[in-house]
Amino acid sequence: MPQTAQTLDAAAVRSWCVRALEALGREREEIDAINVYPIADGDTGTNLYLTVESAAQAVEAVFAADEPDAVDAIRAMAHGALIGARGNSGTILSQLLRGMASVLADGRDGDHLAKSLTAASAAARRAVAHPVEGTILTVAHAAADACARGGDLVTVARGAYEGARTALEETPGQLAVLQRAGVVDAGGRGLVAVLGALVEVVSGEAQIRPVRPGRPVRDEEECPAEESRRGPAFEVIYLLEAEDEAVERLRSRLDDLGDSLVVVGGDGLWNVHVHVDDAGAAVEAGVEAGRPYRIRITHFAGVAPAERMQRAVVAVVPGEGIAGLCQEAGATTVLARAGEPPASGELVDAIRRAHAREVVLLPNDTALRHTAGAAAEQARAEGIRVALIPTRAAVQGIAALAVHEPERRFDEDVVAMTAAAGATRYAELAVAERQSFTSAGVCQAGDVLGLIEGDVAVIGQDLTATARTVLDRMLSAGGELVTLIVATDTPETLASALERHVRDTYLAVDTTTYHAGPGAPPLLIGVE
């Protein structure tokens, strides 16, 4: 007899993420095929998959750092979904998980799970400017209603799942566009898959059977072009750091600009999704409210796609300043904030946005090696020729980008870029968060760590003195060019002090300084 869980512990949360991702992976294409609302752009399954992938990655990160308790895992799942949410349904799903997390932090038995689903449904409805029945919101509400009486964990999870399945089958009768197309709601079907994964985890049962597949929408008579393309021309999504009052003003502003408005999050970090004709105005509204980043603008189908360029570079960068630098050099960038590495789906999305037949991928981080490899494989399966150069730091990526020549043969260009990256030694400064044993000895919280090629080589108390020591060690092996990349919160005197030190001590060495912007390590150093 299968072993059942009585409470949702950290391991169960981890398993839920894994199984939900597997379920959405299996059903992604079918969910994409039945996506007709709010825009028939065929990406709901993919967006839900990428959202859950980000949640799963966040949970794995807390397990890698420590032995997390259930609250840590649940909050990581919700935060990961928030920062990685894609599309209308993915954004709503992230708010559902956030709503659940707010209740499950107080208890993780069946009664708390039931209450969390009720809180999740209410939170998701509040996040949507104009809720519509027959959508993922309806399915979420039915799931909460079906288990509202509580009970043991398995009973509640199974009740929510069955309630969601029943509601999903009824969505065509609630939304005319679904009825005309002969399909159930795509976002609702994705939520059913996620709840089915939860039942599997807590009950120990074999895989939950999938819902009856909807009829794919492919016939233009059934879903005319003018209907599928009706509405605004662009989807705009960004993360936003802003206060609650500013977000309320932003909601009103964006509601005037377009439709399908969903704003989720809280505690200073939000995910904004809206469909508009004026994408620039939607981004500007975000700038007025706070600090938008990870901005994604997608033009909906309806015009002939532009011809693919021959070659492009996609680079992961640690700050907005470096992103601007790489973009000026023609690269498509993916922003990696401290503690929030991009998921493989984000890299695949960037490769697609580059819209090229050939793409050079620069991960610029050792920890992203496998993630970048998975993204490259997926892009190759889509017919894009991808070369992954294993750059381990942003300074190596900059060196590679400096010698990039799209007119060369692809193989020759990749070889030249790889050689330039390999010839660049790298280092960075970090501040220790706690006492720890390192390759350079024991460090205390607050100590400045100088890492060379990924290993701690210097432990100091002063940022400038430690940076100077690291730089001297690197230049003792020779070098012609020093590249310094400084973060926004790094003292302004640091770069000038290091430039002066190089100028006075190493007469034949040049120095170049770039500003990474917020979210980057205090200092990155490259020596070529």
Protein backbone atom coordinates (compact mmCIF):
# COMPACT_ATOMS: atom_id res chain seq x y z
CA MET A 1 0.00 0.00 0.00
CA PRO A 2 1.46 3.43 -0.91
CA GLN A 3 2.88 5.47 1.94
CA THR A 4 0.96 8.71 2.47
CA ALA A 5 2.21 11.99 3.92
CA GLN A 6 0.58 13.72 6.89
CA THR A 7 2.37 17.05 6.45
CA LEU A 8 4.03 18.84 3.58
CA ASP A 9 7.72 18.81 4.52
CA ALA A 10 10.70 20.24 2.64
CA ALA A 11 11.36 17.00 0.75
CA ALA A 12 7.71 16.88 -0.36
CA VAL A 13 7.87 20.46 -1.63
CA ARG A 14 11.00 19.56 -3.58
CA SER A 15 9.32 16.47 -5.04
CA TRP A 16 6.22 18.50 -5.90
CA CYS A 17 8.31 20.91 -7.95
CA VAL A 18 10.08 18.06 -9.74
CA ARG A 19 6.87 16.19 -10.56
CA ALA A 20 4.99 19.32 -11.58
CA LEU A 21 7.83 20.17 -13.97
CA GLU A 22 7.75 16.65 -15.39
CA ALA A 23 3.97 16.80 -15.83
CA LEU A 24 4.10 20.15 -17.60
CA GLY A 25 6.96 18.90 -19.73
CA ARG A 26 4.83 15.97 -20.90
CA GLU A 27 1.76 18.12 -21.55
CA ARG A 28 3.45 21.33 -22.73
CA GLU A 29 2.82 20.87 -26.45
CA GLU A 30 -0.83 19.89 -25.96
CA ILE A 31 -1.42 22.88 -23.67
CA ASP A 32 0.28 25.18 -26.18
CA ALA A 33 -1.97 23.80 -28.91
CA ILE A 34 -5.23 24.65 -27.07
CA ASN A 35 -4.12 28.17 -26.07
CA VAL A 36 -6.79 30.51 -27.49
CA TYR A 37 -7.34 32.95 -24.61
CA PRO A 38 -6.53 35.76 -23.96
CA ILE A 39 -4.32 35.60 -27.09
CA ALA A 40 -4.03 32.56 -29.36
CA ASP A 41 -0.24 32.65 -29.34
CA GLY A 42 0.33 28.97 -28.52
CA ASP A 43 2.69 29.40 -25.57
CA THR A 44 0.72 28.80 -22.36
CA GLY A 45 2.20 25.35 -21.78
CA THR A 46 5.70 26.63 -22.37
CA ASN A 47 5.15 29.62 -20.09
CA LEU A 48 3.83 27.45 -17.26
CA TYR A 49 6.75 25.05 -17.71
CA LEU A 50 9.29 27.89 -17.48
CA THR A 51 7.54 29.33 -14.43
CA VAL A 52 7.66 26.02 -12.56
CA GLU A 53 11.23 25.43 -13.75
CA SER A 54 12.22 28.67 -12.03
CA ALA A 55 10.38 27.58 -8.86
CA ALA A 56 12.10 24.19 -8.90
CA GLN A 57 15.49 25.79 -9.44
CA ALA A 58 14.97 28.07 -6.43
CA VAL A 59 14.05 25.11 -4.23
CA GLU A 60 17.12 23.19 -5.40
CA ALA A 61 19.25 26.22 -4.51
CA VAL A 62 18.12 26.20 -0.86
CA PHE A 63 18.76 22.46 -0.65
CA ALA A 64 22.25 22.96 -2.08
CA ALA A 65 23.04 25.66 0.48
CA ASP A 66 21.72 23.89 3.59
CA GLU A 67 19.15 21.43 4.92
CA PRO A 68 16.07 23.64 4.60
CA ASP A 69 12.91 23.30 6.63
CA ALA A 70 9.51 23.22 4.95
CA VAL A 71 8.97 26.97 5.29
CA ASP A 72 12.29 27.71 3.54
CA ALA A 73 11.39 25.37 0.68
CA ILE A 74 7.86 26.74 0.30
CA ARG A 75 9.05 30.34 0.27
CA ALA A 76 11.79 29.48 -2.21
CA MET A 77 9.24 27.84 -4.50
CA ALA A 78 6.99 30.90 -4.41
CA HIS A 79 9.88 33.33 -4.90
CA GLY A 80 11.33 31.30 -7.76
CA ALA A 81 7.97 31.26 -9.51
CA LEU A 82 7.61 35.01 -9.00
CA ILE A 83 10.95 35.95 -10.56
CA GLY A 84 10.60 33.42 -13.38
CA ALA A 85 6.90 33.84 -14.19
CA ARG A 86 6.09 33.85 -17.90
CA GLY A 87 2.95 34.89 -19.69
CA ASN A 88 -0.51 35.51 -18.32
CA SER A 89 -1.06 32.05 -16.84
CA GLY A 90 2.47 31.70 -15.50
CA THR A 91 2.15 35.03 -13.70
CA ILE A 92 -1.16 33.96 -12.15
CA LEU A 93 0.32 30.59 -11.15
CA SER A 94 3.15 32.39 -9.36
CA GLN A 95 0.61 34.34 -7.32
CA LEU A 96 -1.27 31.14 -6.50
CA LEU A 97 1.94 29.65 -5.11
CA ARG A 98 2.67 32.85 -3.21
CA GLY A 99 -0.82 32.80 -1.71
CA MET A 100 -0.34 29.19 -0.64
CA ALA A 101 3.05 29.96 0.89
CA SER A 102 1.60 32.69 3.10
CA VAL A 103 -0.64 30.12 4.87
CA LEU A 104 1.62 27.05 4.72
CA ALA A 105 4.25 29.00 6.65
CA ASP A 106 1.99 28.51 9.71
CA GLY A 107 1.26 24.81 9.21
CA ARG A 108 1.48 22.12 6.57
CA ASP A 109 -1.23 19.60 7.41
CA GLY A 110 -4.40 19.02 5.41
CA ASP A 111 -6.39 21.80 7.05
CA HIS A 112 -3.66 24.34 6.33
CA LEU A 113 -3.37 23.12 2.74
CA ALA A 114 -7.11 23.72 2.29
CA LYS A 115 -6.81 27.22 3.75
CA SER A 116 -3.78 27.92 1.58
CA LEU A 117 -5.70 27.07 -1.60
CA THR A 118 -8.47 29.46 -0.57
CA ALA A 119 -5.93 32.20 0.11
CA ALA A 120 -4.21 31.44 -3.19
CA SER A 121 -7.42 31.75 -5.19
CA ALA A 122 -8.28 35.07 -3.54
CA ALA A 123 -4.75 36.44 -4.05
CA ALA A 124 -4.76 35.50 -7.73
CA ARG A 125 -8.10 37.19 -8.34
CA ARG A 126 -6.89 40.36 -6.66
CA ALA A 127 -3.79 40.35 -8.87
CA VAL A 128 -5.83 40.30 -12.11
CA ALA A 129 -7.24 43.68 -13.12
CA HIS A 130 -10.38 42.21 -14.72
CA PRO A 131 -10.99 38.56 -13.72
CA VAL A 132 -12.74 36.41 -16.33
CA GLU A 133 -14.58 33.16 -15.65
CA GLY A 134 -13.63 30.06 -17.60
CA THR A 135 -9.93 30.62 -16.96
CA ILE A 136 -7.25 29.41 -14.54
CA LEU A 137 -8.89 31.66 -11.93
CA THR A 138 -12.10 29.63 -12.14
CA VAL A 139 -10.22 26.35 -11.87
CA ALA A 140 -8.26 27.62 -8.85
CA HIS A 141 -11.46 28.75 -7.13
CA ALA A 142 -13.11 25.38 -7.72
CA ALA A 143 -10.05 23.56 -6.36
CA ALA A 144 -10.23 25.62 -3.16
CA ASP A 145 -14.00 25.12 -2.80
CA ALA A 146 -13.74 21.36 -3.28
CA CYS A 147 -11.44 20.92 -0.29
CA ALA A 148 -12.62 23.77 1.91
CA ARG A 149 -13.80 21.44 4.69
CA GLY A 150 -10.24 20.28 5.29
CA GLY A 151 -9.18 16.83 6.39
CA ASP A 152 -5.95 14.91 6.12
CA LEU A 153 -3.34 16.00 3.58
CA VAL A 154 -4.15 13.36 0.96
CA THR A 155 -7.89 13.96 1.16
CA VAL A 156 -7.47 17.71 0.72
CA ALA A 157 -4.98 17.39 -2.15
CA ARG A 158 -7.15 14.84 -3.96
CA GLY A 159 -10.28 16.90 -3.41
CA ALA A 160 -8.62 20.02 -4.83
CA TYR A 161 -7.39 18.06 -7.83
CA GLU A 162 -10.77 16.52 -8.61
CA GLY A 163 -12.52 19.86 -8.11
CA ALA A 164 -10.08 21.48 -10.52
CA ARG A 165 -10.58 18.70 -13.11
CA THR A 166 -14.34 19.10 -12.98
CA ALA A 167 -14.12 22.89 -13.29
CA LEU A 168 -11.73 22.59 -16.21
CA GLU A 169 -14.18 20.46 -18.18
CA GLU A 170 -16.81 23.19 -17.66
CA THR A 171 -14.66 26.10 -18.90
CA PRO A 172 -15.89 25.94 -22.54
CA GLY A 173 -19.38 26.74 -21.30
CA GLN A 174 -18.11 29.83 -19.47
CA LEU A 175 -15.95 31.40 -22.16
CA ALA A 176 -17.25 31.71 -25.70
CA VAL A 177 -13.85 31.62 -27.38
CA LEU A 178 -13.14 28.22 -25.77
CA GLN A 179 -16.50 26.86 -26.88
CA ARG A 180 -15.98 27.99 -30.47
CA ALA A 181 -12.56 26.37 -30.56
CA GLY A 182 -13.77 23.21 -28.82
CA VAL A 183 -11.09 23.29 -26.12
CA VAL A 184 -10.74 23.68 -22.35
CA ASP A 185 -8.79 26.59 -20.88
CA ALA A 186 -5.05 26.10 -21.37
CA GLY A 187 -3.98 27.81 -18.13
CA GLY A 188 -6.55 25.82 -16.16
CA ARG A 189 -5.26 22.60 -17.65
CA GLY A 190 -1.75 23.52 -16.55
CA LEU A 191 -2.98 24.13 -13.00
CA VAL A 192 -4.65 20.70 -13.00
CA ALA A 193 -1.29 19.17 -13.94
CA VAL A 194 0.40 20.98 -11.03
CA LEU A 195 -2.27 19.83 -8.55
CA GLY A 196 -2.05 16.30 -9.93
CA ALA A 197 1.67 16.31 -9.18
CA LEU A 198 0.87 17.32 -5.59
CA VAL A 199 -1.50 14.36 -5.21
CA GLU A 200 1.22 12.03 -6.47
CA VAL A 201 3.70 13.34 -3.90
CA VAL A 202 1.47 13.24 -0.82
CA SER A 203 -0.39 10.00 -1.66
CA GLY A 204 2.50 7.98 -3.07
CA GLU A 205 0.19 6.88 -5.88
CA ALA A 206 1.23 6.24 -9.45
CA GLN A 207 1.02 9.09 -11.94
CA ILE A 208 -2.33 10.86 -12.04
CA ARG A 209 -4.04 10.33 -15.39
CA PRO A 210 -4.03 13.44 -17.58
CA VAL A 211 -7.24 15.28 -18.29
CA ARG A 212 -9.02 14.62 -21.56
CA PRO A 213 -6.96 16.45 -24.18
CA GLY A 214 -8.63 19.38 -25.84
CA ARG A 215 -8.85 19.52 -29.60
CA PRO A 216 -5.81 21.43 -30.90
CA VAL A 217 -6.64 24.71 -32.58
CA ARG A 218 -5.10 24.66 -36.02
CA ASP A 219 -7.91 25.15 -38.51
CA GLU A 220 -8.27 28.80 -39.51
CA GLU A 221 -12.03 28.32 -40.02
CA GLU A 222 -12.33 27.35 -36.34
CA CYS A 223 -10.09 30.10 -35.04
CA PRO A 224 -9.99 32.90 -37.62
CA ALA A 225 -6.86 35.01 -37.82
CA GLU A 226 -8.70 38.20 -37.00
CA GLU A 227 -10.06 36.63 -33.78
CA SER A 228 -6.78 35.07 -32.65
CA ARG A 229 -4.90 38.34 -33.22
CA ARG A 230 -7.51 40.70 -31.82
CA GLY A 231 -6.18 42.99 -29.09
CA PRO A 232 -2.93 44.77 -28.31
CA ALA A 233 0.21 44.08 -30.29
CA PHE A 234 2.72 43.49 -27.47
CA GLU A 235 3.11 41.49 -24.30
CA VAL A 236 5.27 43.31 -21.74
CA ILE A 237 6.65 41.54 -18.66
CA TYR A 238 9.15 42.81 -16.10
CA LEU A 239 10.22 42.41 -12.51
CA LEU A 240 9.79 45.59 -10.48
CA GLU A 241 11.26 46.81 -7.23
CA ALA A 242 8.72 49.29 -5.87
CA GLU A 243 6.67 50.30 -2.84
CA ASP A 244 3.03 49.24 -2.49
CA GLU A 245 1.66 52.75 -3.07
CA ALA A 246 3.63 53.12 -6.30
CA VAL A 247 2.37 49.74 -7.52
CA GLU A 248 -1.24 50.78 -6.99
CA ARG A 249 -0.65 53.82 -9.19
CA LEU A 250 1.08 51.58 -11.73
CA ARG A 251 -1.92 49.25 -11.88
CA SER A 252 -4.19 52.16 -12.77
CA ARG A 253 -1.77 53.49 -15.37
CA LEU A 254 -1.28 50.12 -17.10
CA ASP A 255 -4.99 49.36 -16.99
CA ASP A 256 -5.51 52.49 -19.07
CA LEU A 257 -2.81 51.42 -21.53
CA GLY A 258 -3.91 47.87 -22.30
CA ASP A 259 -5.49 44.64 -21.07
CA SER A 260 -4.64 41.24 -19.53
CA LEU A 261 -3.05 43.14 -16.66
CA VAL A 262 -1.66 40.97 -13.87
CA VAL A 263 0.56 42.36 -11.10
CA VAL A 264 1.78 39.79 -8.58
CA GLY A 265 4.21 39.78 -5.68
CA GLY A 266 4.71 41.97 -2.65
CA ASP A 267 7.28 42.99 -0.03
CA GLY A 268 8.94 45.31 -2.53
CA LEU A 269 9.30 42.84 -5.44
CA TRP A 270 6.64 42.47 -8.14
CA ASN A 271 6.12 40.74 -11.47
CA VAL A 272 4.19 42.86 -13.96
CA HIS A 273 2.39 41.45 -17.02
CA VAL A 274 0.29 43.43 -19.49
CA HIS A 275 -0.76 43.42 -23.17
CA VAL A 276 -0.39 46.85 -24.81
CA ASP A 277 0.06 48.59 -28.13
CA ASP A 278 2.63 51.00 -26.70
CA ALA A 279 5.31 48.82 -25.11
CA GLY A 280 7.52 51.82 -24.37
CA ALA A 281 4.79 53.50 -22.33
CA ALA A 282 4.32 50.32 -20.27
CA VAL A 283 8.03 50.21 -19.43
CA GLU A 284 8.12 53.95 -18.69
CA ALA A 285 5.23 53.47 -16.25
CA GLY A 286 7.39 50.90 -14.47
CA VAL A 287 10.30 53.32 -14.30
CA GLU A 288 8.04 55.91 -12.71
CA ALA A 289 6.91 53.36 -10.11
CA GLY A 290 10.32 51.94 -9.20
CA ARG A 291 13.09 49.93 -10.82
CA PRO A 292 11.98 47.54 -13.58
CA TYR A 293 14.41 44.88 -14.80
CA ARG A 294 14.38 41.58 -16.72
CA ILE A 295 12.15 43.38 -19.20
CA ARG A 296 10.69 41.14 -21.90
CA ILE A 297 8.66 42.51 -24.80
CA THR A 298 7.01 40.06 -27.21
CA HIS A 299 5.24 41.02 -30.41
CA PHE A 300 2.21 38.86 -30.95
CA ALA A 301 1.82 36.91 -34.17
CA GLY A 302 0.07 38.67 -37.00
CA VAL A 303 2.87 40.00 -39.15
CA ALA A 304 5.39 38.08 -41.19
CA PRO A 305 8.45 37.28 -39.07
CA ALA A 306 11.59 39.19 -39.90
CA GLU A 307 14.34 37.34 -41.70
CA ARG A 308 16.77 35.74 -39.27
CA MET A 309 20.17 37.35 -39.04
CA GLN A 310 23.11 35.06 -39.70
CA ARG A 311 24.84 35.19 -36.31
CA ALA A 312 24.28 36.56 -32.82
CA VAL A 313 25.83 36.42 -29.37
CA VAL A 314 23.85 35.74 -26.18
CA ALA A 315 25.61 36.69 -22.94
CA VAL A 316 24.68 36.29 -19.27
CA VAL A 317 25.76 39.43 -17.39
CA PRO A 318 25.90 40.33 -13.67
CA GLY A 319 24.56 43.89 -13.87
CA GLU A 320 22.64 46.36 -15.98
CA GLY A 321 25.72 48.42 -16.80
CA ILE A 322 27.47 45.41 -18.34
CA ALA A 323 24.23 44.50 -20.09
CA GLY A 324 24.25 47.90 -21.77
CA LEU A 325 27.89 47.47 -22.77
CA CYS A 326 27.26 44.05 -24.31
CA GLN A 327 24.10 45.26 -26.06
CA GLU A 328 26.08 48.10 -27.65
CA ALA A 329 28.40 45.42 -29.01
CA GLY A 330 25.39 43.65 -30.53
CA ALA A 331 24.78 40.92 -27.93
CA THR A 332 21.44 39.77 -26.56
CA THR A 333 21.77 39.75 -22.77
CA VAL A 334 20.29 37.84 -19.84
CA LEU A 335 20.62 39.52 -16.45
CA ALA A 336 21.87 37.36 -13.56
CA ARG A 337 21.26 38.96 -10.19
CA ALA A 338 23.10 37.80 -7.05
CA GLY A 339 21.50 34.59 -5.81
CA GLU A 340 19.11 34.44 -8.77
CA PRO A 341 20.84 32.66 -11.67
CA PRO A 342 18.79 32.39 -14.86
CA ALA A 343 17.03 29.12 -15.64
CA SER A 344 17.66 27.23 -18.86
CA GLY A 345 14.32 28.45 -20.16
CA GLU A 346 15.47 32.07 -19.87
CA LEU A 347 18.58 31.26 -21.91
CA VAL A 348 16.52 29.48 -24.56
CA ASP A 349 14.19 32.49 -24.68
CA ALA A 350 17.18 34.80 -25.20
CA ILE A 351 18.53 32.57 -27.98
CA ARG A 352 15.14 32.77 -29.69
CA ARG A 353 15.00 36.56 -29.22
CA ALA A 354 18.39 36.86 -30.88
CA HIS A 355 16.60 35.61 -34.04
CA ALA A 356 19.70 34.23 -35.71
CA ARG A 357 20.65 31.06 -37.55
CA GLU A 358 23.89 30.82 -35.53
CA VAL A 359 24.30 31.78 -31.88
CA VAL A 360 27.35 31.99 -29.64
CA LEU A 361 26.34 31.50 -25.99
CA LEU A 362 28.47 33.04 -23.21
CA PRO A 363 27.29 31.87 -19.74
CA ASN A 364 30.01 33.88 -17.92
CA ASP A 365 29.63 31.78 -14.77
CA THR A 366 30.99 28.34 -13.90
CA ALA A 367 27.77 27.50 -12.04
CA LEU A 368 25.77 27.97 -15.26
CA ARG A 369 27.67 25.35 -17.23
CA HIS A 370 24.95 22.68 -17.10
CA THR A 371 22.11 25.20 -17.42
CA ALA A 372 23.70 26.72 -20.51
CA GLY A 373 24.38 23.26 -21.94
CA ALA A 374 20.72 22.30 -21.57
CA ALA A 375 19.62 25.56 -23.22
CA ALA A 376 22.02 25.01 -26.12
CA GLU A 377 20.69 21.48 -26.67
CA GLN A 378 17.10 22.69 -26.71
CA ALA A 379 17.91 25.48 -29.17
CA ARG A 380 19.75 23.02 -31.43
CA ALA A 381 16.67 20.83 -31.43
CA GLU A 382 14.79 23.86 -32.79
CA GLY A 383 17.20 24.13 -35.70
CA ILE A 384 19.50 26.86 -34.36
CA ARG A 385 23.24 26.28 -34.59
CA VAL A 386 24.60 27.04 -31.11
CA ALA A 387 28.20 27.16 -29.89
CA LEU A 388 28.65 27.25 -26.12
CA ILE A 389 31.88 28.95 -25.04
CA PRO A 390 32.48 28.00 -21.37
CA THR A 391 33.25 31.50 -20.11
CA ARG A 392 33.50 31.51 -16.31
CA ALA A 393 33.25 35.25 -15.59
CA ALA A 394 31.91 38.42 -17.18
CA VAL A 395 35.44 39.65 -17.95
CA GLN A 396 36.01 36.56 -20.09
CA GLY A 397 32.75 37.21 -21.89
CA ILE A 398 33.77 40.80 -22.61
CA ALA A 399 37.11 39.59 -23.97
CA ALA A 400 35.33 37.10 -26.23
CA LEU A 401 32.84 39.70 -27.43
CA ALA A 402 35.69 42.10 -28.25
CA VAL A 403 37.05 39.76 -30.94
CA HIS A 404 33.67 38.64 -32.28
CA GLU A 405 33.44 39.14 -36.06
CA PRO A 406 30.14 38.01 -37.61
CA GLU A 407 31.65 38.14 -41.11
CA ARG A 408 34.04 35.28 -40.29
CA ARG A 409 33.07 31.64 -40.73
CA PHE A 410 31.19 30.42 -37.66
CA ASP A 411 33.86 27.95 -36.56
CA GLU A 412 36.64 30.52 -36.96
CA ASP A 413 34.70 33.09 -34.96
CA VAL A 414 34.04 30.61 -32.15
CA VAL A 415 37.72 29.61 -32.02
CA ALA A 416 38.84 33.23 -31.82
CA MET A 417 36.31 34.08 -29.11
CA THR A 418 37.22 30.96 -27.12
CA ALA A 419 40.91 31.80 -27.31
CA ALA A 420 40.30 35.37 -26.12
CA ALA A 421 38.21 34.15 -23.19
CA GLY A 422 40.76 31.49 -22.27
CA ALA A 423 43.58 34.05 -22.27
CA THR A 424 41.76 36.17 -19.68
CA ARG A 425 42.43 35.31 -16.04
CA TYR A 426 39.70 36.46 -13.70
CA ALA A 427 39.12 37.35 -10.07
CA GLU A 428 36.42 38.89 -7.94
CA LEU A 429 35.90 40.41 -4.52
CA ALA A 430 33.14 39.24 -2.22
CA VAL A 431 32.16 39.88 1.39
CA ALA A 432 31.91 36.84 3.68
CA GLU A 433 28.42 36.33 5.10
CA ARG A 434 29.53 34.01 7.93
CA GLN A 435 32.55 32.31 9.42
CA SER A 436 33.90 29.70 7.03
CA PHE A 437 36.95 27.64 6.15
CA THR A 438 38.51 28.64 2.80
CA SER A 439 41.56 27.71 0.78
CA ALA A 440 43.26 30.83 2.23
CA GLY A 441 42.32 30.10 5.85
CA VAL A 442 39.40 30.86 8.14
CA CYS A 443 37.32 33.93 7.32
CA GLN A 444 34.88 35.77 9.57
CA ALA A 445 31.58 37.40 8.67
CA GLY A 446 32.31 40.76 7.05
CA ASP A 447 35.79 39.84 5.82
CA VAL A 448 36.67 40.80 2.24
CA LEU A 449 37.46 37.74 0.13
CA GLY A 450 39.64 37.89 -2.96
CA LEU A 451 38.85 34.97 -5.27
CA ILE A 452 41.21 34.15 -8.14
CA GLU A 453 39.89 31.70 -10.76
CA GLY A 454 37.09 30.78 -8.33
CA ASP A 455 39.26 29.98 -5.28
CA VAL A 456 39.70 32.22 -2.23
CA ALA A 457 43.29 33.50 -2.41
CA VAL A 458 43.21 36.54 -0.11
CA ILE A 459 41.31 37.36 3.09
CA GLY A 460 41.33 41.01 4.15
CA GLN A 461 39.39 43.66 6.01
CA ASP A 462 39.66 46.53 3.52
CA LEU A 463 38.17 46.42 0.04
CA THR A 464 40.88 48.47 -1.67
CA ALA A 465 43.82 46.78 0.06
CA THR A 466 42.44 43.32 -0.72
CA ALA A 467 41.79 44.26 -4.34
CA ARG A 468 45.35 45.58 -4.68
CA THR A 469 46.78 42.34 -3.30
CA VAL A 470 44.67 40.25 -5.67
CA LEU A 471 45.70 42.40 -8.63
CA ASP A 472 49.39 42.11 -7.75
CA ARG A 473 49.15 38.34 -7.57
CA MET A 474 47.47 38.18 -10.96
CA LEU A 475 49.96 40.54 -12.62
CA SER A 476 52.93 38.66 -11.16
CA ALA A 477 52.32 36.15 -13.96
CA GLY A 478 52.28 38.93 -16.56
CA GLY A 479 49.56 40.79 -18.38
CA GLU A 480 48.92 43.61 -20.83
CA LEU A 481 45.37 44.73 -20.02
CA VAL A 482 43.47 44.91 -16.72
CA THR A 483 39.67 45.09 -16.85
CA LEU A 484 37.82 46.30 -13.75
CA ILE A 485 34.05 45.90 -13.38
CA VAL A 486 32.62 47.68 -10.33
CA ALA A 487 29.11 47.48 -8.86
CA THR A 488 26.93 50.48 -8.00
CA ASP A 489 27.41 50.14 -4.24
CA THR A 490 31.20 49.77 -4.49
CA PRO A 491 33.05 52.87 -3.19
CA GLU A 492 33.82 55.22 -6.07
CA THR A 493 37.44 55.53 -4.94
CA LEU A 494 38.19 51.83 -5.47
CA ALA A 495 38.50 51.85 -9.25
CA SER A 496 40.55 55.06 -9.33
CA ALA A 497 42.90 53.71 -6.62
CA LEU A 498 43.47 50.50 -8.58
CA GLU A 499 43.98 52.36 -11.85
CA ARG A 500 46.58 54.55 -10.15
CA HIS A 501 48.27 51.50 -8.64
CA VAL A 502 48.57 49.79 -12.03
CA ARG A 503 49.78 52.98 -13.68
CA ASP A 504 52.49 53.54 -11.03
CA THR A 505 53.62 49.91 -10.66
CA TYR A 506 53.16 48.26 -14.06
CA LEU A 507 54.23 50.69 -16.74
CA ALA A 508 53.28 48.54 -19.75
CA VAL A 509 49.83 47.55 -18.51
CA ASP A 510 46.64 49.37 -19.53
CA THR A 511 43.47 49.54 -17.42
CA THR A 512 39.82 49.71 -18.50
CA THR A 513 36.96 50.22 -16.05
CA TYR A 514 33.28 49.40 -16.54
CA HIS A 515 30.32 49.92 -14.22
CA ALA A 516 28.13 46.86 -13.74
CA GLY A 517 25.20 48.56 -12.04
CA PRO A 518 23.28 47.09 -9.07
CA GLY A 519 23.22 43.39 -8.24
CA ALA A 520 26.79 42.59 -9.33
CA PRO A 521 29.72 41.52 -7.10
CA PRO A 522 31.64 44.48 -5.60
CA LEU A 523 34.52 44.05 -8.07
CA LEU A 524 35.38 41.79 -11.01
CA ILE A 525 38.95 41.77 -12.36
CA GLY A 526 40.23 40.45 -15.65
CA VAL A 527 43.85 40.25 -16.78
CA GLU A 528 44.73 39.57 -20.41
